[in-house]
Amino acid sequence: MSERGNSIVLIGFMGAGKSSIGRRLAALTQWSRYDTDEMIRKKAGRSIAQIFAVEGEEHFRELESETVRELPADRSSIIVTGGGILLRKQNAAQLRRLGFLIYLRADEKTLFRRVSRRATRPLLQTENPRARLHELLETRTPLYEKYGDAVVDTAQKNHDEVAEAVLQAAPSFASR
């Protein structure tokens, strides 16, 4: 296995808390934070929903892969990923080179409650968003489980508790 970086990479389904926990971890560690969805929005000059609507999901996935390749490998950082980033094997391989992957997990009911708060999730803009969420979870959960180096459940914890659990799981912090 090739050498891995010291970054903390947050993976998991939409609504698991990756963005919020990423911001909390960056504040605690004083490391730079890279959020792949934010980077894509900035580079494209429009929202992810607009990218999906105009160019489609495949174009978004290509932008996502480009963004992963641009992430810095030479320093420890907090990397927040989109929920579908592991759909491409090359993304998973690159993220593993950057650091330790933490799968932020929550049960389906909790995820649906969280993602239903905002209507900005393009993959859930369907006639039956609950069924679509279930379908996406069925496809993605095995990828999170395969590539995650550790799992932190976010359903019953506040942001501080989740951030502390992530730091305890990450090798670069577990020895503190």
N, C-alpha and C. Protein backbone atom coordinates (compact mmCIF):
# COMPACT_ATOMS: atom_id res chain seq x y z
N MET A 1 0.84 -1.19 0.00
CA MET A 1 0.00 0.00 0.00
C MET A 1 0.87 1.24 0.00
N SER A 2 0.50 2.22 -0.78
CA SER A 2 1.28 3.44 -0.83
C SER A 2 1.08 4.23 0.46
N GLU A 3 2.01 5.12 0.72
CA GLU A 3 1.94 5.94 1.92
C GLU A 3 0.72 6.84 1.88
N ARG A 4 0.13 7.04 3.04
CA ARG A 4 -1.05 7.88 3.13
C ARG A 4 -0.74 9.15 3.88
N GLY A 5 -1.44 10.21 3.50
CA GLY A 5 -1.28 11.49 4.17
C GLY A 5 -1.96 11.49 5.53
N ASN A 6 -1.91 12.62 6.19
CA ASN A 6 -2.50 12.76 7.52
C ASN A 6 -3.83 13.49 7.54
N SER A 7 -4.36 13.81 6.39
CA SER A 7 -5.63 14.54 6.36
C SER A 7 -6.76 13.68 6.91
N ILE A 8 -7.78 14.35 7.39
CA ILE A 8 -9.01 13.68 7.81
C ILE A 8 -10.02 13.93 6.71
N VAL A 9 -10.51 12.85 6.11
CA VAL A 9 -11.44 12.92 4.99
C VAL A 9 -12.80 12.42 5.46
N LEU A 10 -13.80 13.29 5.39
CA LEU A 10 -15.15 12.92 5.82
C LEU A 10 -15.95 12.42 4.63
N ILE A 11 -16.45 11.20 4.76
CA ILE A 11 -17.30 10.60 3.73
C ILE A 11 -18.64 10.25 4.38
N GLY A 12 -19.66 10.06 3.56
CA GLY A 12 -20.96 9.66 4.07
C GLY A 12 -22.07 10.27 3.25
N PHE A 13 -23.27 9.88 3.56
CA PHE A 13 -24.44 10.29 2.80
C PHE A 13 -24.81 11.74 3.10
N MET A 14 -25.54 12.37 2.16
CA MET A 14 -26.02 13.73 2.41
C MET A 14 -26.84 13.74 3.69
N GLY A 15 -26.62 14.76 4.49
CA GLY A 15 -27.35 14.87 5.75
C GLY A 15 -26.66 14.21 6.93
N ALA A 16 -25.54 13.56 6.70
CA ALA A 16 -24.82 12.90 7.81
C ALA A 16 -24.09 13.91 8.69
N GLY A 17 -23.88 15.13 8.17
CA GLY A 17 -23.22 16.16 8.97
C GLY A 17 -21.80 16.48 8.54
N LYS A 18 -21.42 16.05 7.36
CA LYS A 18 -20.03 16.24 6.92
C LYS A 18 -19.61 17.70 6.90
N SER A 19 -20.43 18.58 6.35
CA SER A 19 -20.06 20.00 6.25
C SER A 19 -19.94 20.64 7.63
N SER A 20 -20.92 20.41 8.47
CA SER A 20 -20.89 21.00 9.82
C SER A 20 -19.72 20.46 10.64
N ILE A 21 -19.52 19.17 10.58
CA ILE A 21 -18.43 18.57 11.34
C ILE A 21 -17.08 19.01 10.77
N GLY A 22 -17.01 19.14 9.45
CA GLY A 22 -15.77 19.63 8.83
C GLY A 22 -15.39 21.01 9.33
N ARG A 23 -16.37 21.90 9.43
CA ARG A 23 -16.10 23.25 9.96
C ARG A 23 -15.64 23.17 11.42
N ARG A 24 -16.28 22.31 12.19
CA ARG A 24 -15.91 22.17 13.62
C ARG A 24 -14.49 21.60 13.74
N LEU A 25 -14.18 20.60 12.94
CA LEU A 25 -12.83 19.99 12.98
C LEU A 25 -11.76 21.00 12.57
N ALA A 26 -12.05 21.80 11.56
CA ALA A 26 -11.08 22.80 11.12
C ALA A 26 -10.80 23.79 12.25
N ALA A 27 -11.84 24.17 12.98
CA ALA A 27 -11.66 25.10 14.10
C ALA A 27 -10.84 24.45 15.22
N LEU A 28 -11.10 23.18 15.48
CA LEU A 28 -10.39 22.48 16.56
C LEU A 28 -8.93 22.21 16.23
N THR A 29 -8.67 21.84 14.98
CA THR A 29 -7.31 21.44 14.59
C THR A 29 -6.48 22.60 14.06
N GLN A 30 -7.15 23.67 13.64
CA GLN A 30 -6.50 24.80 12.96
C GLN A 30 -5.92 24.38 11.61
N TRP A 31 -6.45 23.30 11.04
CA TRP A 31 -6.06 22.85 9.72
C TRP A 31 -6.95 23.53 8.68
N SER A 32 -6.46 23.62 7.46
CA SER A 32 -7.28 24.12 6.35
C SER A 32 -8.40 23.12 6.08
N ARG A 33 -9.54 23.65 5.65
CA ARG A 33 -10.69 22.82 5.32
C ARG A 33 -10.97 22.96 3.83
N TYR A 34 -11.15 21.82 3.18
CA TYR A 34 -11.51 21.79 1.77
C TYR A 34 -12.82 21.03 1.64
N ASP A 35 -13.84 21.70 1.16
CA ASP A 35 -15.15 21.09 0.95
C ASP A 35 -15.33 20.96 -0.56
N THR A 36 -15.36 19.73 -1.05
CA THR A 36 -15.38 19.53 -2.51
C THR A 36 -16.60 20.18 -3.15
N ASP A 37 -17.76 20.13 -2.50
CA ASP A 37 -18.95 20.76 -3.09
C ASP A 37 -18.78 22.28 -3.16
N GLU A 38 -18.23 22.88 -2.12
CA GLU A 38 -17.98 24.33 -2.13
C GLU A 38 -16.99 24.68 -3.24
N MET A 39 -15.96 23.87 -3.40
CA MET A 39 -14.95 24.13 -4.43
C MET A 39 -15.57 24.05 -5.82
N ILE A 40 -16.45 23.09 -6.03
CA ILE A 40 -17.11 22.93 -7.33
C ILE A 40 -18.03 24.13 -7.60
N ARG A 41 -18.79 24.54 -6.59
CA ARG A 41 -19.68 25.70 -6.76
C ARG A 41 -18.87 26.94 -7.13
N LYS A 42 -17.76 27.14 -6.46
CA LYS A 42 -16.93 28.31 -6.72
C LYS A 42 -16.33 28.26 -8.13
N LYS A 43 -15.79 27.11 -8.50
CA LYS A 43 -15.18 26.95 -9.82
C LYS A 43 -16.20 27.11 -10.94
N ALA A 44 -17.39 26.54 -10.76
CA ALA A 44 -18.42 26.58 -11.80
C ALA A 44 -19.20 27.89 -11.82
N GLY A 45 -19.16 28.61 -10.71
CA GLY A 45 -19.89 29.87 -10.63
C GLY A 45 -21.40 29.70 -10.54
N ARG A 46 -21.84 28.54 -10.09
CA ARG A 46 -23.27 28.28 -9.92
C ARG A 46 -23.46 27.13 -8.93
N SER A 47 -24.69 26.95 -8.52
CA SER A 47 -25.00 25.93 -7.51
C SER A 47 -24.90 24.52 -8.10
N ILE A 48 -24.79 23.56 -7.22
CA ILE A 48 -24.76 22.17 -7.66
C ILE A 48 -26.09 21.80 -8.32
N ALA A 49 -27.18 22.30 -7.77
CA ALA A 49 -28.49 22.04 -8.39
C ALA A 49 -28.53 22.56 -9.82
N GLN A 50 -27.94 23.74 -10.05
CA GLN A 50 -27.89 24.29 -11.41
C GLN A 50 -27.01 23.44 -12.32
N ILE A 51 -25.89 22.96 -11.79
CA ILE A 51 -25.00 22.09 -12.59
C ILE A 51 -25.76 20.83 -13.00
N PHE A 52 -26.46 20.20 -12.05
CA PHE A 52 -27.24 19.01 -12.35
C PHE A 52 -28.30 19.31 -13.39
N ALA A 53 -29.00 20.44 -13.24
CA ALA A 53 -30.10 20.77 -14.14
C ALA A 53 -29.64 21.06 -15.55
N VAL A 54 -28.50 21.73 -15.70
CA VAL A 54 -28.03 22.16 -17.02
C VAL A 54 -27.14 21.11 -17.68
N GLU A 55 -26.10 20.66 -16.96
CA GLU A 55 -25.14 19.72 -17.57
C GLU A 55 -25.34 18.27 -17.17
N GLY A 56 -26.08 18.02 -16.10
CA GLY A 56 -26.36 16.65 -15.68
C GLY A 56 -25.40 16.12 -14.64
N GLU A 57 -25.78 14.97 -14.07
CA GLU A 57 -25.00 14.37 -13.01
C GLU A 57 -23.61 13.94 -13.48
N GLU A 58 -23.51 13.40 -14.68
CA GLU A 58 -22.20 12.92 -15.16
C GLU A 58 -21.20 14.07 -15.22
N HIS A 59 -21.63 15.23 -15.68
CA HIS A 59 -20.73 16.39 -15.71
C HIS A 59 -20.32 16.79 -14.29
N PHE A 60 -21.28 16.76 -13.37
CA PHE A 60 -20.95 17.07 -11.98
C PHE A 60 -19.91 16.09 -11.44
N ARG A 61 -20.07 14.81 -11.74
CA ARG A 61 -19.12 13.79 -11.26
C ARG A 61 -17.72 14.05 -11.83
N GLU A 62 -17.65 14.53 -13.06
CA GLU A 62 -16.35 14.86 -13.65
C GLU A 62 -15.72 16.04 -12.92
N LEU A 63 -16.52 17.05 -12.63
CA LEU A 63 -16.01 18.19 -11.86
C LEU A 63 -15.54 17.73 -10.48
N GLU A 64 -16.27 16.80 -9.90
CA GLU A 64 -15.91 16.26 -8.59
C GLU A 64 -14.56 15.55 -8.65
N SER A 65 -14.35 14.75 -9.68
CA SER A 65 -13.08 14.04 -9.84
C SER A 65 -11.92 15.02 -10.05
N GLU A 66 -12.15 16.05 -10.86
CA GLU A 66 -11.11 17.08 -11.05
C GLU A 66 -10.76 17.74 -9.72
N THR A 67 -11.77 18.03 -8.94
CA THR A 67 -11.57 18.69 -7.65
C THR A 67 -10.76 17.81 -6.70
N VAL A 68 -11.05 16.52 -6.67
CA VAL A 68 -10.31 15.60 -5.80
C VAL A 68 -8.83 15.58 -6.20
N ARG A 69 -8.57 15.61 -7.50
CA ARG A 69 -7.17 15.61 -7.96
C ARG A 69 -6.44 16.90 -7.57
N GLU A 70 -7.17 17.98 -7.35
CA GLU A 70 -6.56 19.27 -7.00
C GLU A 70 -6.32 19.44 -5.51
N LEU A 71 -6.84 18.55 -4.68
CA LEU A 71 -6.67 18.69 -3.24
C LEU A 71 -5.20 18.53 -2.87
N PRO A 72 -4.70 19.35 -1.93
CA PRO A 72 -3.28 19.31 -1.57
C PRO A 72 -2.91 18.03 -0.82
N ALA A 73 -1.85 17.40 -1.28
CA ALA A 73 -1.37 16.18 -0.64
C ALA A 73 -0.22 16.45 0.32
N ASP A 74 0.28 17.67 0.32
CA ASP A 74 1.50 17.96 1.07
C ASP A 74 1.26 18.52 2.47
N ARG A 75 0.00 18.58 2.90
CA ARG A 75 -0.26 19.08 4.26
C ARG A 75 -1.52 18.44 4.83
N SER A 76 -1.56 18.37 6.13
CA SER A 76 -2.73 17.84 6.81
C SER A 76 -3.87 18.83 6.69
N SER A 77 -5.03 18.33 6.38
CA SER A 77 -6.20 19.19 6.24
C SER A 77 -7.46 18.39 6.55
N ILE A 78 -8.56 19.12 6.61
CA ILE A 78 -9.88 18.51 6.77
C ILE A 78 -10.52 18.55 5.39
N ILE A 79 -10.92 17.39 4.90
CA ILE A 79 -11.51 17.30 3.57
C ILE A 79 -12.95 16.81 3.72
N VAL A 80 -13.88 17.62 3.25
CA VAL A 80 -15.31 17.30 3.30
C VAL A 80 -15.73 16.93 1.88
N THR A 81 -16.34 15.77 1.73
CA THR A 81 -16.70 15.29 0.40
C THR A 81 -18.21 15.26 0.20
N GLY A 82 -18.61 15.24 -1.06
CA GLY A 82 -20.02 15.06 -1.40
C GLY A 82 -20.41 13.60 -1.23
N GLY A 83 -21.69 13.36 -1.05
CA GLY A 83 -22.18 12.02 -0.77
C GLY A 83 -21.92 10.98 -1.85
N GLY A 84 -21.75 11.40 -3.10
CA GLY A 84 -21.54 10.46 -4.18
C GLY A 84 -20.11 10.36 -4.67
N ILE A 85 -19.18 10.94 -3.94
CA ILE A 85 -17.80 11.03 -4.41
C ILE A 85 -17.16 9.66 -4.60
N LEU A 86 -17.59 8.66 -3.85
CA LEU A 86 -16.99 7.33 -3.95
C LEU A 86 -17.55 6.50 -5.10
N LEU A 87 -18.50 7.06 -5.86
CA LEU A 87 -19.04 6.33 -7.00
C LEU A 87 -17.98 6.07 -8.06
N ARG A 88 -16.92 6.86 -8.05
CA ARG A 88 -15.79 6.65 -8.94
C ARG A 88 -14.60 6.14 -8.13
N LYS A 89 -14.11 4.97 -8.52
CA LYS A 89 -13.01 4.33 -7.78
C LYS A 89 -11.78 5.21 -7.68
N GLN A 90 -11.50 5.98 -8.74
CA GLN A 90 -10.30 6.81 -8.72
C GLN A 90 -10.39 7.88 -7.63
N ASN A 91 -11.60 8.34 -7.32
CA ASN A 91 -11.76 9.30 -6.24
C ASN A 91 -11.43 8.66 -4.90
N ALA A 92 -11.92 7.45 -4.71
CA ALA A 92 -11.63 6.75 -3.45
C ALA A 92 -10.13 6.54 -3.29
N ALA A 93 -9.46 6.14 -4.36
CA ALA A 93 -8.01 5.90 -4.29
C ALA A 93 -7.27 7.20 -3.96
N GLN A 94 -7.65 8.29 -4.60
CA GLN A 94 -6.98 9.57 -4.33
C GLN A 94 -7.24 10.04 -2.90
N LEU A 95 -8.46 9.91 -2.44
CA LEU A 95 -8.78 10.33 -1.07
C LEU A 95 -8.00 9.50 -0.05
N ARG A 96 -7.83 8.22 -0.32
CA ARG A 96 -7.04 7.37 0.60
C ARG A 96 -5.58 7.81 0.62
N ARG A 97 -5.06 8.28 -0.52
CA ARG A 97 -3.69 8.79 -0.53
C ARG A 97 -3.56 10.05 0.31
N LEU A 98 -4.64 10.82 0.39
CA LEU A 98 -4.60 12.08 1.14
C LEU A 98 -4.69 11.87 2.65
N GLY A 99 -5.35 10.80 3.07
CA GLY A 99 -5.47 10.61 4.51
C GLY A 99 -6.42 9.52 4.93
N PHE A 100 -6.97 9.71 6.10
CA PHE A 100 -7.78 8.74 6.81
C PHE A 100 -9.25 9.05 6.56
N LEU A 101 -10.00 8.10 6.02
CA LEU A 101 -11.40 8.31 5.68
C LEU A 101 -12.31 7.94 6.85
N ILE A 102 -13.09 8.91 7.30
CA ILE A 102 -14.05 8.70 8.38
C ILE A 102 -15.45 8.70 7.78
N TYR A 103 -16.14 7.60 7.94
CA TYR A 103 -17.51 7.46 7.45
C TYR A 103 -18.45 8.00 8.53
N LEU A 104 -19.07 9.14 8.25
CA LEU A 104 -20.09 9.69 9.13
C LEU A 104 -21.41 9.04 8.75
N ARG A 105 -21.96 8.30 9.69
CA ARG A 105 -23.15 7.48 9.42
C ARG A 105 -24.33 7.96 10.26
N ALA A 106 -25.51 7.87 9.69
CA ALA A 106 -26.76 8.09 10.42
C ALA A 106 -27.81 7.17 9.81
N ASP A 107 -28.83 6.86 10.58
CA ASP A 107 -29.88 5.99 10.07
C ASP A 107 -30.72 6.73 9.03
N GLU A 108 -31.45 5.96 8.24
CA GLU A 108 -32.21 6.51 7.11
C GLU A 108 -33.25 7.55 7.57
N LYS A 109 -33.93 7.29 8.65
CA LYS A 109 -34.95 8.22 9.16
C LYS A 109 -34.31 9.57 9.51
N THR A 110 -33.19 9.53 10.20
CA THR A 110 -32.48 10.76 10.58
C THR A 110 -32.00 11.50 9.34
N LEU A 111 -31.42 10.78 8.39
CA LEU A 111 -30.94 11.41 7.16
C LEU A 111 -32.08 12.10 6.42
N PHE A 112 -33.21 11.41 6.29
CA PHE A 112 -34.33 12.00 5.56
C PHE A 112 -34.84 13.26 6.26
N ARG A 113 -34.93 13.21 7.58
CA ARG A 113 -35.37 14.39 8.34
C ARG A 113 -34.42 15.56 8.10
N ARG A 114 -33.12 15.29 8.11
CA ARG A 114 -32.14 16.35 7.91
C ARG A 114 -32.15 16.92 6.49
N VAL A 115 -32.19 16.05 5.49
CA VAL A 115 -32.13 16.55 4.10
C VAL A 115 -33.45 17.19 3.67
N SER A 116 -34.53 16.87 4.35
CA SER A 116 -35.83 17.46 4.00
C SER A 116 -35.94 18.92 4.41
N ARG A 117 -35.02 19.38 5.23
CA ARG A 117 -35.04 20.78 5.68
C ARG A 117 -34.74 21.75 4.55
N ARG A 118 -34.02 21.27 3.53
CA ARG A 118 -33.64 22.14 2.40
C ARG A 118 -34.03 21.47 1.09
N ALA A 119 -34.47 22.26 0.15
CA ALA A 119 -34.89 21.73 -1.15
C ALA A 119 -33.78 21.88 -2.18
N THR A 120 -32.53 21.82 -1.74
CA THR A 120 -31.40 22.05 -2.65
C THR A 120 -30.69 20.76 -3.04
N ARG A 121 -31.27 19.63 -2.75
CA ARG A 121 -30.63 18.34 -3.06
C ARG A 121 -31.13 17.84 -4.41
N PRO A 122 -30.34 18.01 -5.48
CA PRO A 122 -30.85 17.68 -6.82
C PRO A 122 -31.27 16.23 -6.99
N LEU A 123 -30.60 15.31 -6.32
CA LEU A 123 -30.95 13.91 -6.50
C LEU A 123 -32.26 13.53 -5.80
N LEU A 124 -32.76 14.43 -4.96
CA LEU A 124 -34.02 14.14 -4.26
C LEU A 124 -35.19 14.93 -4.83
N GLN A 125 -34.98 15.60 -5.94
CA GLN A 125 -36.05 16.37 -6.59
C GLN A 125 -36.86 15.42 -7.47
N THR A 126 -37.55 14.51 -6.82
CA THR A 126 -38.36 13.50 -7.50
C THR A 126 -39.75 13.48 -6.90
N GLU A 127 -40.61 12.69 -7.51
CA GLU A 127 -41.97 12.56 -7.00
C GLU A 127 -41.99 11.91 -5.61
N ASN A 128 -41.05 11.00 -5.37
CA ASN A 128 -40.98 10.31 -4.08
C ASN A 128 -39.56 10.39 -3.52
N PRO A 129 -39.23 11.52 -2.87
CA PRO A 129 -37.86 11.70 -2.38
C PRO A 129 -37.45 10.65 -1.35
N ARG A 130 -38.38 10.17 -0.55
CA ARG A 130 -38.05 9.17 0.47
C ARG A 130 -37.58 7.87 -0.19
N ALA A 131 -38.28 7.45 -1.23
CA ALA A 131 -37.88 6.23 -1.95
C ALA A 131 -36.54 6.44 -2.65
N ARG A 132 -36.33 7.61 -3.21
CA ARG A 132 -35.05 7.91 -3.87
C ARG A 132 -33.90 7.90 -2.87
N LEU A 133 -34.12 8.47 -1.69
CA LEU A 133 -33.09 8.45 -0.65
C LEU A 133 -32.75 7.01 -0.29
N HIS A 134 -33.76 6.18 -0.13
CA HIS A 134 -33.53 4.77 0.20
C HIS A 134 -32.70 4.08 -0.88
N GLU A 135 -33.06 4.33 -2.13
CA GLU A 135 -32.35 3.75 -3.27
C GLU A 135 -30.88 4.19 -3.29
N LEU A 136 -30.65 5.47 -3.09
CA LEU A 136 -29.27 5.99 -3.07
C LEU A 136 -28.47 5.39 -1.91
N LEU A 137 -29.11 5.28 -0.75
CA LEU A 137 -28.43 4.68 0.41
C LEU A 137 -28.04 3.24 0.13
N GLU A 138 -28.92 2.50 -0.52
CA GLU A 138 -28.64 1.09 -0.85
C GLU A 138 -27.40 0.98 -1.74
N THR A 139 -27.23 1.92 -2.64
CA THR A 139 -26.10 1.92 -3.55
C THR A 139 -24.82 2.40 -2.88
N ARG A 140 -24.92 3.43 -2.06
CA ARG A 140 -23.74 4.10 -1.53
C ARG A 140 -23.22 3.53 -0.22
N THR A 141 -24.08 3.00 0.62
CA THR A 141 -23.63 2.49 1.92
C THR A 141 -22.50 1.47 1.79
N PRO A 142 -22.59 0.51 0.87
CA PRO A 142 -21.47 -0.43 0.74
C PRO A 142 -20.13 0.26 0.39
N LEU A 143 -20.19 1.35 -0.35
CA LEU A 143 -18.97 2.09 -0.68
C LEU A 143 -18.40 2.79 0.55
N TYR A 144 -19.27 3.40 1.35
CA TYR A 144 -18.81 4.05 2.58
C TYR A 144 -18.18 3.02 3.51
N GLU A 145 -18.81 1.86 3.60
CA GLU A 145 -18.29 0.80 4.48
C GLU A 145 -16.98 0.23 3.95
N LYS A 146 -16.87 0.12 2.64
CA LYS A 146 -15.64 -0.42 2.04
C LYS A 146 -14.45 0.51 2.22
N TYR A 147 -14.66 1.79 1.97
CA TYR A 147 -13.54 2.73 1.96
C TYR A 147 -13.31 3.45 3.29
N GLY A 148 -14.29 3.46 4.16
CA GLY A 148 -14.13 4.14 5.44
C GLY A 148 -13.14 3.40 6.33
N ASP A 149 -12.19 4.14 6.89
CA ASP A 149 -11.24 3.54 7.82
C ASP A 149 -11.83 3.45 9.22
N ALA A 150 -12.80 4.28 9.50
CA ALA A 150 -13.50 4.27 10.79
C ALA A 150 -14.90 4.81 10.55
N VAL A 151 -15.80 4.48 11.47
CA VAL A 151 -17.19 4.91 11.37
C VAL A 151 -17.54 5.70 12.63
N VAL A 152 -18.18 6.84 12.43
CA VAL A 152 -18.71 7.62 13.55
C VAL A 152 -20.19 7.86 13.28
N ASP A 153 -21.03 7.40 14.20
CA ASP A 153 -22.46 7.59 14.04
C ASP A 153 -22.82 8.99 14.50
N THR A 154 -23.58 9.71 13.69
CA THR A 154 -23.91 11.10 13.99
C THR A 154 -25.35 11.30 14.45
N ALA A 155 -26.16 10.24 14.44
CA ALA A 155 -27.60 10.39 14.68
C ALA A 155 -27.94 10.91 16.07
N GLN A 156 -27.24 10.45 17.07
CA GLN A 156 -27.59 10.80 18.45
C GLN A 156 -26.55 11.68 19.13
N LYS A 157 -25.64 12.28 18.36
CA LYS A 157 -24.58 13.09 18.94
C LYS A 157 -24.68 14.52 18.44
N ASN A 158 -24.21 15.46 19.27
CA ASN A 158 -24.12 16.85 18.80
C ASN A 158 -22.79 17.03 18.06
N HIS A 159 -22.61 18.18 17.46
CA HIS A 159 -21.42 18.42 16.64
C HIS A 159 -20.12 18.25 17.42
N ASP A 160 -20.07 18.72 18.65
CA ASP A 160 -18.86 18.58 19.45
C ASP A 160 -18.55 17.12 19.74
N GLU A 161 -19.57 16.32 20.03
CA GLU A 161 -19.36 14.90 20.30
C GLU A 161 -18.88 14.16 19.05
N VAL A 162 -19.46 14.50 17.91
CA VAL A 162 -19.03 13.86 16.66
C VAL A 162 -17.60 14.26 16.34
N ALA A 163 -17.28 15.54 16.45
CA ALA A 163 -15.91 16.00 16.16
C ALA A 163 -14.91 15.30 17.06
N GLU A 164 -15.21 15.17 18.33
CA GLU A 164 -14.30 14.49 19.27
C GLU A 164 -14.14 13.02 18.88
N ALA A 165 -15.22 12.36 18.49
CA ALA A 165 -15.15 10.96 18.07
C ALA A 165 -14.29 10.82 16.81
N VAL A 166 -14.41 11.76 15.89
CA VAL A 166 -13.58 11.73 14.67
C VAL A 166 -12.11 11.87 15.04
N LEU A 167 -11.79 12.81 15.91
CA LEU A 167 -10.40 13.01 16.31
C LEU A 167 -9.84 11.79 17.04
N GLN A 168 -10.67 11.13 17.83
CA GLN A 168 -10.23 9.91 18.51
C GLN A 168 -9.97 8.78 17.52
N ALA A 169 -10.72 8.75 16.43
CA ALA A 169 -10.58 7.69 15.43
C ALA A 169 -9.41 7.93 14.47
N ALA A 170 -9.04 9.18 14.27
CA ALA A 170 -7.99 9.52 13.30
C ALA A 170 -6.61 9.25 13.91
N PRO A 171 -5.77 8.49 13.20
CA PRO A 171 -4.45 8.13 13.75
C PRO A 171 -3.61 9.33 14.15
N SER A 172 -3.72 10.43 13.42
CA SER A 172 -2.89 11.60 13.73
C SER A 172 -3.31 12.28 15.02
N PHE A 173 -4.49 11.92 15.55
CA PHE A 173 -4.96 12.53 16.80
C PHE A 173 -5.20 11.52 17.90
N ALA A 174 -5.37 10.25 17.57
CA ALA A 174 -5.75 9.24 18.55
C ALA A 174 -4.72 9.12 19.68
N SER A 175 -3.47 9.45 19.41
CA SER A 175 -2.42 9.31 20.43
C SER A 175 -2.33 10.52 21.36
N ARG A 176 -3.18 11.53 21.13
CA ARG A 176 -3.12 12.71 21.98
C ARG A 176 -3.56 12.40 23.38
